[in-house]
C-alpha atoms as a PDB file:
ATOM      1  CA  MET A   1     168.511 215.595  81.297  1.00  0.00           C
ATOM      2  CA  SER A   2     170.879 217.509  79.004  1.00  0.00           C
ATOM      3  CA  SER A   3     168.309 217.900  76.227  1.00  0.00           C
ATOM      4  CA  ALA A   4     165.872 219.723  78.393  1.00  0.00           C
ATOM      5  CA  PRO A   5     167.810 223.102  78.465  1.00  0.00           C
ATOM      6  CA  ALA A   6     168.566 222.703  74.791  1.00  0.00           C
ATOM      7  CA  THR A   7     164.856 222.086  73.945  1.00  0.00           C
ATOM      8  CA  SER A   8     163.761 224.831  76.253  1.00  0.00           C
ATOM      9  CA  TRP A   9     165.938 227.264  74.525  1.00  0.00           C
ATOM     10  CA  GLU A  10     164.614 226.235  71.085  1.00  0.00           C
ATOM     11  CA  LEU A  11     161.121 226.713  72.274  1.00  0.00           C
ATOM     12  CA  VAL A  12     161.954 230.252  73.541  1.00  0.00           C
ATOM     13  CA  GLU A  13     163.664 230.999  70.126  1.00  0.00           C
ATOM     14  CA  PHE A  14     160.452 229.763  68.426  1.00  0.00           C
ATOM     15  CA  LEU A  15     158.130 231.777  70.651  1.00  0.00           C
ATOM     16  CA  SER A  16     160.347 234.959  70.234  1.00  0.00           C
ATOM     17  CA  ASP A  17     160.065 234.400  66.473  1.00  0.00           C
ATOM     18  CA  ARG A  18     156.320 233.874  66.499  1.00  0.00           C
ATOM     19  CA  LEU A  19     155.591 236.735  68.925  1.00  0.00           C
ATOM     20  CA  PHE A  20     158.178 239.437  68.154  1.00  0.00           C
ATOM     21  CA  SER A  21     159.563 238.273  64.624  1.00  0.00           C
ATOM     22  CA  THR A  22     163.118 238.205  65.938  1.00  0.00           C
ATOM     23  CA  GLY A  23     164.443 235.789  63.407  1.00  0.00           C
ATOM     24  CA  ALA A  24     166.235 233.810  66.065  1.00  0.00           C
ATOM     25  CA  GLN A  25     165.485 230.410  64.276  1.00  0.00           C
ATOM     26  CA  LYS A  26     167.611 230.456  61.100  1.00  0.00           C
ATOM     27  CA  SER A  27     166.480 226.975  59.779  1.00  0.00           C
ATOM     28  CA  LEU A  28     165.441 223.483  60.916  1.00  0.00           C
ATOM     29  CA  GLU A  29     168.938 222.402  60.508  1.00  0.00           C
ATOM     30  CA  ASP A  30     170.111 225.104  62.995  1.00  0.00           C
ATOM     31  CA  THR A  31     167.416 224.000  65.570  1.00  0.00           C
ATOM     32  CA  MET A  32     168.536 220.369  65.184  1.00  0.00           C
ATOM     33  CA  LEU A  33     172.128 221.078  65.569  1.00  0.00           C
ATOM     34  CA  ASP A  34     171.552 223.107  68.652  1.00  0.00           C
ATOM     35  CA  ILE A  35     169.647 220.168  70.223  1.00  0.00           C
ATOM     36  CA  LEU A  36     172.252 217.712  69.097  1.00  0.00           C
ATOM     37  CA  PHE A  37     175.133 219.485  70.579  1.00  0.00           C
ATOM     38  CA  GLY A  38     173.171 219.912  73.872  1.00  0.00           C
ATOM     39  CA  VAL A  39     172.521 216.100  74.056  1.00  0.00           C
ATOM     40  CA  LEU A  40     176.137 215.471  73.160  1.00  0.00           C
ATOM     41  CA  GLY A  41     177.526 217.958  75.620  1.00  0.00           C
ATOM     42  CA  GLY A  42     175.406 216.357  78.377  1.00  0.00           C
ATOM     43  CA  ALA A  43     176.539 212.889  77.378  1.00  0.00           C
ATOM     44  CA  ALA A  44     180.322 214.044  77.436  1.00  0.00           C
ATOM     45  CA  PHE A  45     179.749 215.595  81.082  1.00  0.00           C
ATOM     46  CA  ALA A  46     177.911 212.345  82.188  1.00  0.00           C
ATOM     47  CA  SER A  47     180.813 210.217  81.030  1.00  0.00           C
ATOM     48  CA  VAL A  48     183.507 212.268  82.714  1.00  0.00           C
ATOM     49  CA  ARG A  49     181.384 212.582  85.855  1.00  0.00           C
ATOM     50  CA  VAL A  50     180.866 208.733  86.022  1.00  0.00           C
ATOM     51  CA  SER A  51     184.546 208.262  85.311  1.00  0.00           C
ATOM     52  CA  LEU A  52     185.663 210.597  87.998  1.00  0.00           C
ATOM     53  CA  ARG A  53     182.983 209.123  90.596  1.00  0.00           C
ATOM     54  CA  SER A  54     184.245 205.489  89.960  1.00  0.00           C
ATOM     55  CA  ARG A  55     187.971 206.511  90.297  1.00  0.00           C
ATOM     56  CA  TYR A  56     187.409 208.428  93.573  1.00  0.00           C
ATOM     57  CA  SER A  57     185.338 205.476  94.951  1.00  0.00           C
ATOM     58  CA  GLU A  58     188.206 203.059  94.128  1.00  0.00           C
ATOM     59  CA  GLN A  59     190.704 205.198  95.815  1.00  0.00           C
ATOM     60  CA  ALA A  60     188.476 205.532  98.939  1.00  0.00           C
ATOM     61  CA  ARG A  61     188.268 201.745  99.074  1.00  0.00           C
ATOM     62  CA  GLU A  62     192.131 201.305  98.715  1.00  0.00           C
ATOM     63  CA  SER A  63     193.049 203.768 101.475  1.00  0.00           C
ATOM     64  CA  PRO A  64     193.143 202.414 105.113  1.00  0.00           C
END
């Protein structure tokens, strides 16, 4: 799920370079790092979300 926005952004950069010669994509390394950080950010968000969800569900079970 998190790689979809990063991949979409890279596609937009690619198309803008091809259609309008914008120079948005500097290198393959730049593209891969953008996608990698998109995936890592999504994984970090998901792990925090799961942690908070389990914490709140445990508190709900403990309260009368």
